[in-house]
Amino acid sequence: ARVLVTGRSTASLAQAAARGVETVVSDIGDAASREAL
């Protein structure tokens, strides 16, 4: 599958990206961030 994951920590996302997933910095607790996502 093609997989996109979100998170607030750029360091944790970088580790996930190293596994081959796509990543995007996003704060699910923020309305504007949800709209941008």
Full PDB file with SEQRES, HELIX, SHEET, SSBOND, CRYST1, ORIGX, SCALE, CONECT and MASTER records, all heavy atoms in Angstrom:
SEQRES   1 A   37  ALA ARG VAL LEU VAL THR GLY ARG SER THR ALA SER LEU          
SEQRES   2 A   37  ALA GLN ALA ALA ALA ARG GLY VAL GLU THR VAL VAL SER          
SEQRES   3 A   37  ASP ILE GLY ASP ALA ALA SER ARG GLU ALA LEU                  
HELIX    1 AA1 THR A   10  ALA A   17  1                                   8    
HELIX    2 AA2 ALA A   31  ALA A   36  1                                   6    
SHEET    1 AA1 2 LEU A   4  GLY A   7  0                                        
SHEET    2 AA1 2 GLU A  22  VAL A  25  1                                        
CRYST1    1.000    1.000    1.000  90.00  90.00  90.00 P 1           1          
ORIGX1      1.000000  0.000000  0.000000        0.00000                         
ORIGX2      0.000000  1.000000  0.000000        0.00000                         
ORIGX3      0.000000  0.000000  1.000000        0.00000                         
SCALE1      1.000000  0.000000  0.000000        0.00000                         
SCALE2      0.000000  1.000000  0.000000        0.00000                         
SCALE3      0.000000  0.000000  1.000000        0.00000                         
ATOM      1  N   ALA A   1       0.831  -1.204   0.000  1.00  0.00           N  
ATOM      2  CA  ALA A   1       0.000   0.000   0.000  1.00  0.00           C  
ATOM      3  C   ALA A   1       0.865   1.255   0.000  1.00  0.00           C  
ATOM      4  O   ALA A   1       2.023   1.252   0.429  1.00  0.00           O  
ATOM      5  CB  ALA A   1      -0.917   0.013   1.211  1.00  0.00           C  
ATOM      6  N   ARG A   2       0.286   2.331  -0.448  1.00  0.00           N  
ATOM      7  CA  ARG A   2       0.858   3.654  -0.266  1.00  0.00           C  
ATOM      8  C   ARG A   2       0.358   4.173   1.076  1.00  0.00           C  
ATOM      9  O   ARG A   2      -0.842   4.168   1.345  1.00  0.00           O  
ATOM     10  CB  ARG A   2       0.414   4.589  -1.388  1.00  0.00           C  
ATOM     11  CG  ARG A   2       0.976   6.004  -1.255  1.00  0.00           C  
ATOM     12  CD  ARG A   2       0.388   6.935  -2.288  1.00  0.00           C  
ATOM     13  NE  ARG A   2       0.924   8.292  -2.118  1.00  0.00           N  
ATOM     14  CZ  ARG A   2       0.434   9.363  -2.715  1.00  0.00           C  
ATOM     15  NH1 ARG A   2      -0.615   9.253  -3.521  1.00  0.00           N  
ATOM     16  NH2 ARG A   2       0.978  10.552  -2.509  1.00  0.00           N  
ATOM     17  N   VAL A   3       1.269   4.614   1.940  1.00  0.00           N  
ATOM     18  CA  VAL A   3       0.908   4.981   3.307  1.00  0.00           C  
ATOM     19  C   VAL A   3       1.429   6.377   3.631  1.00  0.00           C  
ATOM     20  O   VAL A   3       2.611   6.672   3.450  1.00  0.00           O  
ATOM     21  CB  VAL A   3       1.481   3.976   4.323  1.00  0.00           C  
ATOM     22  CG1 VAL A   3       1.058   4.368   5.748  1.00  0.00           C  
ATOM     23  CG2 VAL A   3       1.021   2.554   3.999  1.00  0.00           C  
ATOM     24  N   LEU A   4       0.532   7.223   4.132  1.00  0.00           N  
ATOM     25  CA  LEU A   4       0.871   8.561   4.614  1.00  0.00           C  
ATOM     26  C   LEU A   4       0.544   8.624   6.089  1.00  0.00           C  
ATOM     27  O   LEU A   4      -0.585   8.316   6.487  1.00  0.00           O  
ATOM     28  CB  LEU A   4       0.074   9.620   3.854  1.00  0.00           C  
ATOM     29  CG  LEU A   4       0.185  11.068   4.346  1.00  0.00           C  
ATOM     30  CD1 LEU A   4       1.608  11.601   4.167  1.00  0.00           C  
ATOM     31  CD2 LEU A   4      -0.808  11.965   3.609  1.00  0.00           C  
ATOM     32  N   VAL A   5       1.524   8.983   6.922  1.00  0.00           N  
ATOM     33  CA  VAL A   5       1.287   9.089   8.356  1.00  0.00           C  
ATOM     34  C   VAL A   5       1.501  10.525   8.801  1.00  0.00           C  
ATOM     35  O   VAL A   5       2.279  11.271   8.203  1.00  0.00           O  
ATOM     36  CB  VAL A   5       2.200   8.143   9.171  1.00  0.00           C  
ATOM     37  CG1 VAL A   5       2.028   6.708   8.715  1.00  0.00           C  
ATOM     38  CG2 VAL A   5       3.666   8.562   9.095  1.00  0.00           C  
ATOM     39  N   THR A   6       0.806  10.897   9.873  1.00  0.00           N  
ATOM     40  CA  THR A   6       0.942  12.235  10.430  1.00  0.00           C  
ATOM     41  C   THR A   6       1.492  12.152  11.846  1.00  0.00           C  
ATOM     42  O   THR A   6       1.413  11.116  12.513  1.00  0.00           O  
ATOM     43  CB  THR A   6      -0.400  12.989  10.464  1.00  0.00           C  
ATOM     44  OG1 THR A   6      -1.166  12.539  11.594  1.00  0.00           O  
ATOM     45  CG2 THR A   6      -1.189  12.762   9.189  1.00  0.00           C  
ATOM     46  N   GLY A   7       2.012  13.273  12.315  1.00  0.00           N  
ATOM     47  CA  GLY A   7       2.489  13.371  13.680  1.00  0.00           C  
ATOM     48  C   GLY A   7       2.955  14.782  13.945  1.00  0.00           C  
ATOM     49  O   GLY A   7       3.054  15.606  13.039  1.00  0.00           O  
ATOM     50  N   ARG A   8       3.260  15.060  15.216  1.00  0.00           N  
ATOM     51  CA  ARG A   8       3.734  16.390  15.589  1.00  0.00           C  
ATOM     52  C   ARG A   8       5.255  16.455  15.693  1.00  0.00           C  
ATOM     53  O   ARG A   8       5.833  17.525  15.596  1.00  0.00           O  
ATOM     54  CB  ARG A   8       3.107  16.812  16.918  1.00  0.00           C  
ATOM     55  CG  ARG A   8       1.607  17.038  16.836  1.00  0.00           C  
ATOM     56  CD  ARG A   8       1.026  17.475  18.159  1.00  0.00           C  
ATOM     57  NE  ARG A   8       1.123  16.431  19.175  1.00  0.00           N  
ATOM     58  CZ  ARG A   8       0.687  16.545  20.416  1.00  0.00           C  
ATOM     59  NH1 ARG A   8       0.128  17.674  20.815  1.00  0.00           N  
ATOM     60  NH2 ARG A   8       0.808  15.552  21.280  1.00  0.00           N  
ATOM     61  N   SER A   9       5.895  15.297  15.906  1.00  0.00           N  
ATOM     62  CA  SER A   9       7.341  15.252  16.111  1.00  0.00           C  
ATOM     63  C   SER A   9       8.061  15.009  14.791  1.00  0.00           C  
ATOM     64  O   SER A   9       7.903  13.945  14.176  1.00  0.00           O  
ATOM     65  CB  SER A   9       7.698  14.144  17.108  1.00  0.00           C  
ATOM     66  OG  SER A   9       9.083  13.889  17.107  1.00  0.00           O  
ATOM     67  N   THR A  10       8.875  15.972  14.378  1.00  0.00           N  
ATOM     68  CA  THR A  10       9.621  15.797  13.139  1.00  0.00           C  
ATOM     69  C   THR A  10      10.638  14.664  13.270  1.00  0.00           C  
ATOM     70  O   THR A  10      10.911  13.957  12.298  1.00  0.00           O  
ATOM     71  CB  THR A  10      10.337  17.103  12.755  1.00  0.00           C  
ATOM     72  OG1 THR A  10      11.154  17.541  13.846  1.00  0.00           O  
ATOM     73  CG2 THR A  10       9.321  18.187  12.411  1.00  0.00           C  
ATOM     74  N   ALA A  11      11.193  14.471  14.466  1.00  0.00           N  
ATOM     75  CA  ALA A  11      12.168  13.399  14.659  1.00  0.00           C  
ATOM     76  C   ALA A  11      11.512  12.032  14.490  1.00  0.00           C  
ATOM     77  O   ALA A  11      12.052  11.151  13.809  1.00  0.00           O  
ATOM     78  CB  ALA A  11      12.798  13.524  16.047  1.00  0.00           C  
ATOM     79  N   SER A  12      10.347  11.846  15.108  1.00  0.00           N  
ATOM     80  CA  SER A  12       9.644  10.565  14.976  1.00  0.00           C  
ATOM     81  C   SER A  12       9.191  10.329  13.540  1.00  0.00           C  
ATOM     82  O   SER A  12       9.262   9.212  13.027  1.00  0.00           O  
ATOM     83  CB  SER A  12       8.429  10.524  15.914  1.00  0.00           C  
ATOM     84  OG  SER A  12       8.836  10.565  17.262  1.00  0.00           O  
ATOM     85  N   LEU A  13       8.753  11.397  12.874  1.00  0.00           N  
ATOM     86  CA  LEU A  13       8.332  11.265  11.480  1.00  0.00           C  
ATOM     87  C   LEU A  13       9.511  10.911  10.587  1.00  0.00           C  
ATOM     88  O   LEU A  13       9.358  10.142   9.630  1.00  0.00           O  
ATOM     89  CB  LEU A  13       7.664  12.554  11.009  1.00  0.00           C  
ATOM     90  CG  LEU A  13       6.259  12.823  11.551  1.00  0.00           C  
ATOM     91  CD1 LEU A  13       5.794  14.215  11.140  1.00  0.00           C  
ATOM     92  CD2 LEU A  13       5.264  11.766  11.073  1.00  0.00           C  
ATOM     93  N   ALA A  14      10.675  11.453  10.887  1.00  0.00           N  
ATOM     94  CA  ALA A  14      11.863  11.125  10.095  1.00  0.00           C  
ATOM     95  C   ALA A  14      12.191   9.639  10.213  1.00  0.00           C  
ATOM     96  O   ALA A  14      12.578   8.994   9.226  1.00  0.00           O  
ATOM     97  CB  ALA A  14      13.047  11.977  10.543  1.00  0.00           C  
ATOM     98  N   GLN A  15      12.035   9.081  11.399  1.00  0.00           N  
ATOM     99  CA  GLN A  15      12.278   7.655  11.585  1.00  0.00           C  
ATOM    100  C   GLN A  15      11.254   6.829  10.815  1.00  0.00           C  
ATOM    101  O   GLN A  15      11.591   5.798  10.219  1.00  0.00           O  
ATOM    102  CB  GLN A  15      12.232   7.305  13.070  1.00  0.00           C  
ATOM    103  CG  GLN A  15      13.365   7.926  13.878  1.00  0.00           C  
ATOM    104  CD  GLN A  15      13.245   7.641  15.368  1.00  0.00           C  
ATOM    105  OE1 GLN A  15      12.297   6.985  15.819  1.00  0.00           O  
ATOM    106  NE2 GLN A  15      14.184   8.153  16.146  1.00  0.00           N  
ATOM    107  N   ALA A  16      10.012   7.291  10.815  1.00  0.00           N  
ATOM    108  CA  ALA A  16       8.977   6.581  10.050  1.00  0.00           C  
ATOM    109  C   ALA A  16       9.251   6.677   8.560  1.00  0.00           C  
ATOM    110  O   ALA A  16       9.081   5.703   7.814  1.00  0.00           O  
ATOM    111  CB  ALA A  16       7.599   7.169  10.380  1.00  0.00           C  
ATOM    112  N   ALA A  17       9.694   7.852   8.109  1.00  0.00           N  
ATOM    113  CA  ALA A  17       9.990   8.049   6.688  1.00  0.00           C  
ATOM    114  C   ALA A  17      11.108   7.123   6.226  1.00  0.00           C  
ATOM    115  O   ALA A  17      11.122   6.661   5.082  1.00  0.00           O  
ATOM    116  CB  ALA A  17      10.353   9.504   6.425  1.00  0.00           C  
ATOM    117  N   ALA A  18      12.043   6.847   7.125  1.00  0.00           N  
ATOM    118  CA  ALA A  18      13.151   5.961   6.779  1.00  0.00           C  
ATOM    119  C   ALA A  18      12.666   4.546   6.473  1.00  0.00           C  
ATOM    120  O   ALA A  18      13.361   3.775   5.812  1.00  0.00           O  
ATOM    121  CB  ALA A  18      14.171   5.936   7.919  1.00  0.00           C  
ATOM    122  N   ARG A  19      11.479   4.220   6.949  1.00  0.00           N  
ATOM    123  CA  ARG A  19      10.900   2.902   6.679  1.00  0.00           C  
ATOM    124  C   ARG A  19      10.156   2.871   5.345  1.00  0.00           C  
ATOM    125  O   ARG A  19       9.700   1.817   4.921  1.00  0.00           O  
ATOM    126  CB  ARG A  19       9.942   2.499   7.803  1.00  0.00           C  
ATOM    127  CG  ARG A  19      10.607   2.387   9.168  1.00  0.00           C  
ATOM    128  CD  ARG A  19       9.568   2.096  10.244  1.00  0.00           C  
ATOM    129  NE  ARG A  19      10.139   2.010  11.572  1.00  0.00           N  
ATOM    130  CZ  ARG A  19      10.605   0.888  12.118  1.00  0.00           C  
ATOM    131  NH1 ARG A  19      10.565  -0.241  11.427  1.00  0.00           N  
ATOM    132  NH2 ARG A  19      11.102   0.897  13.336  1.00  0.00           N  
ATOM    133  N   GLY A  20       9.976   4.042   4.706  1.00  0.00           N  
ATOM    134  CA  GLY A  20       9.361   4.075   3.392  1.00  0.00           C  
ATOM    135  C   GLY A  20       7.988   4.688   3.331  1.00  0.00           C  
ATOM    136  O   GLY A  20       7.398   4.772   2.253  1.00  0.00           O  
ATOM    137  N   VAL A  21       7.451   5.143   4.484  1.00  0.00           N  
ATOM    138  CA  VAL A  21       6.130   5.767   4.447  1.00  0.00           C  
ATOM    139  C   VAL A  21       6.276   7.245   4.126  1.00  0.00           C  
ATOM    140  O   VAL A  21       7.335   7.849   4.333  1.00  0.00           O  
ATOM    141  CB  VAL A  21       5.380   5.605   5.786  1.00  0.00           C  
ATOM    142  CG1 VAL A  21       5.186   4.140   6.125  1.00  0.00           C  
ATOM    143  CG2 VAL A  21       6.095   6.341   6.905  1.00  0.00           C  
ATOM    144  N   GLU A  22       5.225   7.842   3.614  1.00  0.00           N  
ATOM    145  CA  GLU A  22       5.177   9.283   3.432  1.00  0.00           C  
ATOM    146  C   GLU A  22       4.754   9.910   4.752  1.00  0.00           C  
ATOM    147  O   GLU A  22       4.008   9.309   5.527  1.00  0.00           O  
ATOM    148  CB  GLU A  22       4.187   9.649   2.327  1.00  0.00           C  
ATOM    149  CG  GLU A  22       4.522   9.044   0.976  1.00  0.00           C  
ATOM    150  CD  GLU A  22       3.450   9.321  -0.055  1.00  0.00           C  
ATOM    151  OE1 GLU A  22       2.952  10.465  -0.108  1.00  0.00           O  
ATOM    152  OE2 GLU A  22       3.096   8.392  -0.800  1.00  0.00           O  
ATOM    153  N   THR A  23       5.236  11.110   5.025  1.00  0.00           N  
ATOM    154  CA  THR A  23       4.934  11.744   6.300  1.00  0.00           C  
ATOM    155  C   THR A  23       4.523  13.188   6.101  1.00  0.00           C  
ATOM    156  O   THR A  23       4.897  13.829   5.124  1.00  0.00           O  
ATOM    157  CB  THR A  23       6.161  11.702   7.241  1.00  0.00           C  
ATOM    158  OG1 THR A  23       7.218  12.488   6.678  1.00  0.00           O  
ATOM    159  CG2 THR A  23       6.644  10.279   7.457  1.00  0.00           C  
ATOM    160  N   VAL A  24       3.757  13.690   7.071  1.00  0.00           N  
ATOM    161  CA  VAL A  24       3.364  15.099   7.070  1.00  0.00           C  
ATOM    162  C   VAL A  24       3.216  15.549   8.521  1.00  0.00           C  
ATOM    163  O   VAL A  24       2.635  14.837   9.342  1.00  0.00           O  
ATOM    164  CB  VAL A  24       2.063  15.328   6.267  1.00  0.00           C  
ATOM    165  CG1 VAL A  24       0.916  14.513   6.835  1.00  0.00           C  
ATOM    166  CG2 VAL A  24       1.708  16.801   6.229  1.00  0.00           C  
ATOM    167  N   VAL A  25       3.787  16.690   8.828  1.00  0.00           N  
ATOM    168  CA  VAL A  25       3.662  17.258  10.168  1.00  0.00           C  
ATOM    169  C   VAL A  25       2.255  17.822  10.325  1.00  0.00           C  
ATOM    170  O   VAL A  25       1.820  18.656   9.519  1.00  0.00           O  
ATOM    171  CB  VAL A  25       4.704  18.369  10.402  1.00  0.00           C  
ATOM    172  CG1 VAL A  25       4.495  19.008  11.777  1.00  0.00           C  
ATOM    173  CG2 VAL A  25       6.118  17.811  10.280  1.00  0.00           C  
ATOM    174  N   SER A  26       1.539  17.361  11.342  1.00  0.00           N  
ATOM    175  CA  SER A  26       0.160  17.805  11.543  1.00  0.00           C  
ATOM    176  C   SER A  26      -0.230  17.607  12.997  1.00  0.00           C  
ATOM    177  O   SER A  26       0.079  16.565  13.592  1.00  0.00           O  
ATOM    178  CB  SER A  26      -0.793  17.013  10.632  1.00  0.00           C  
ATOM    179  OG  SER A  26      -2.140  17.406  10.836  1.00  0.00           O  
ATOM    180  N   ASP A  27      -0.901  18.577  13.560  1.00  0.00           N  
ATOM    181  CA  ASP A  27      -1.404  18.505  14.933  1.00  0.00           C  
ATOM    182  C   ASP A  27      -2.907  18.270  14.875  1.00  0.00           C  
ATOM    183  O   ASP A  27      -3.677  19.184  14.559  1.00  0.00           O  
ATOM    184  CB  ASP A  27      -1.092  19.810  15.667  1.00  0.00           C  
ATOM    185  CG  ASP A  27      -1.602  19.808  17.102  1.00  0.00           C  
ATOM    186  OD1 ASP A  27      -2.202  18.798  17.532  1.00  0.00           O  
ATOM    187  OD2 ASP A  27      -1.411  20.830  17.797  1.00  0.00           O  
ATOM    188  N   ILE A  28      -3.326  17.050  15.150  1.00  0.00           N  
ATOM    189  CA  ILE A  28      -4.736  16.698  15.020  1.00  0.00           C  
ATOM    190  C   ILE A  28      -5.598  17.468  16.012  1.00  0.00           C  
ATOM    191  O   ILE A  28      -6.818  17.592  15.835  1.00  0.00           O  
ATOM    192  CB  ILE A  28      -4.936  15.175  15.206  1.00  0.00           C  
ATOM    193  CG1 ILE A  28      -6.290  14.735  14.643  1.00  0.00           C  
ATOM    194  CG2 ILE A  28      -4.804  14.781  16.663  1.00  0.00           C  
ATOM    195  CD1 ILE A  28      -6.412  14.880  13.162  1.00  0.00           C  
ATOM    196  N   GLY A  29      -4.982  18.049  17.041  1.00  0.00           N  
ATOM    197  CA  GLY A  29      -5.751  18.825  18.017  1.00  0.00           C  
ATOM    198  C   GLY A  29      -6.002  20.260  17.607  1.00  0.00           C  
ATOM    199  O   GLY A  29      -6.673  20.994  18.335  1.00  0.00           O  
ATOM    200  N   ASP A  30      -5.502  20.665  16.444  1.00  0.00           N  
ATOM    201  CA  ASP A  30      -5.644  22.039  15.978  1.00  0.00           C  
ATOM    202  C   ASP A  30      -6.511  22.075  14.722  1.00  0.00           C  
ATOM    203  O   ASP A  30      -6.227  21.394  13.738  1.00  0.00           O  
ATOM    204  CB  ASP A  30      -4.261  22.627  15.682  1.00  0.00           C  
ATOM    205  CG  ASP A  30      -4.335  24.041  15.151  1.00  0.00           C  
ATOM    206  OD1 ASP A  30      -4.588  24.958  15.946  1.00  0.00           O  
ATOM    207  OD2 ASP A  30      -4.148  24.232  13.926  1.00  0.00           O  
ATOM    208  N   ALA A  31      -7.567  22.872  14.734  1.00  0.00           N  
ATOM    209  CA  ALA A  31      -8.524  22.888  13.621  1.00  0.00           C  
ATOM    210  C   ALA A  31      -7.872  23.324  12.314  1.00  0.00           C  
ATOM    211  O   ALA A  31      -8.117  22.730  11.251  1.00  0.00           O  
ATOM    212  CB  ALA A  31      -9.702  23.804  13.952  1.00  0.00           C  
ATOM    213  N   ALA A  32      -7.050  24.368  12.369  1.00  0.00           N  
ATOM    214  CA  ALA A  32      -6.397  24.840  11.147  1.00  0.00           C  
ATOM    215  C   ALA A  32      -5.466  23.780  10.572  1.00  0.00           C  
ATOM    216  O   ALA A  32      -5.369  23.614   9.351  1.00  0.00           O  
ATOM    217  CB  ALA A  32      -5.633  26.129  11.435  1.00  0.00           C  
ATOM    218  N   SER A  33      -4.795  23.056  11.448  1.00  0.00           N  
ATOM    219  CA  SER A  33      -3.902  21.989  10.994  1.00  0.00           C  
ATOM    220  C   SER A  33      -4.693  20.857  10.349  1.00  0.00           C  
ATOM    221  O   SER A  33      -4.264  20.265   9.352  1.00  0.00           O  
ATOM    222  CB  SER A  33      -3.075  21.467  12.172  1.00  0.00           C  
ATOM    223  OG  SER A  33      -2.100  20.538  11.736  1.00  0.00           O  
ATOM    224  N   ARG A  34      -5.858  20.548  10.899  1.00  0.00           N  
ATOM    225  CA  ARG A  34      -6.710  19.509  10.302  1.00  0.00           C  
ATOM    226  C   ARG A  34      -7.172  19.933   8.911  1.00  0.00           C  
ATOM    227  O   ARG A  34      -7.203  19.116   7.979  1.00  0.00           O  
ATOM    228  CB  ARG A  34      -7.912  19.233  11.205  1.00  0.00           C  
ATOM    229  CG  ARG A  34      -7.560  18.611  12.532  1.00  0.00           C  
ATOM    230  CD  ARG A  34      -8.792  18.133  13.277  1.00  0.00           C  
ATOM    231  NE  ARG A  34      -9.704  19.171  13.704  1.00  0.00           N  
ATOM    232  CZ  ARG A  34      -9.696  19.740  14.903  1.00  0.00           C  
ATOM    233  NH1 ARG A  34      -8.789  19.399  15.804  1.00  0.00           N  
ATOM    234  NH2 ARG A  34     -10.601  20.656  15.237  1.00  0.00           N  
ATOM    235  N   GLU A  35      -7.542  21.188   8.773  1.00  0.00           N  
ATOM    236  CA  GLU A  35      -7.991  21.675   7.470  1.00  0.00           C  
ATOM    237  C   GLU A  35      -6.862  21.630   6.446  1.00  0.00           C  
ATOM    238  O   GLU A  35      -7.067  21.241   5.283  1.00  0.00           O  
ATOM    239  CB  GLU A  35      -8.545  23.089   7.619  1.00  0.00           C  
ATOM    240  CG  GLU A  35      -9.860  23.131   8.391  1.00  0.00           C  
ATOM    241  CD  GLU A  35     -10.293  24.536   8.760  1.00  0.00           C  
ATOM    242  OE1 GLU A  35      -9.527  25.480   8.465  1.00  0.00           O  
ATOM    243  OE2 GLU A  35     -11.393  24.684   9.336  1.00  0.00           O  
ATOM    244  N   ALA A  36      -5.654  21.984   6.877  1.00  0.00           N  
ATOM    245  CA  ALA A  36      -4.512  21.918   5.974  1.00  0.00           C  
ATOM    246  C   ALA A  36      -4.200  20.474   5.594  1.00  0.00           C  
ATOM    247  O   ALA A  36      -3.847  20.173   4.440  1.00  0.00           O  
ATOM    248  CB  ALA A  36      -3.297  22.572   6.635  1.00  0.00           C  
ATOM    249  N   LEU A  37      -4.328  19.556   6.559  1.00  0.00           N  
ATOM    250  CA  LEU A  37      -4.083  18.140   6.274  1.00  0.00           C  
ATOM    251  C   LEU A  37      -5.077  17.610   5.250  1.00  0.00           C  
ATOM    252  O   LEU A  37      -4.704  16.910   4.306  1.00  0.00           O  
ATOM    253  CB  LEU A  37      -4.178  17.325   7.567  1.00  0.00           C  
ATOM    254  CG  LEU A  37      -4.090  15.802   7.406  1.00  0.00           C  
ATOM    255  CD1 LEU A  37      -2.762  15.380   6.795  1.00  0.00           C  
ATOM    256  CD2 LEU A  37      -4.318  15.118   8.762  1.00  0.00           C  
TER     257      LEU A  37                                                      
MASTER        0    0    0    2    2    0    0    6  256    1    0    3          
END                                                                             
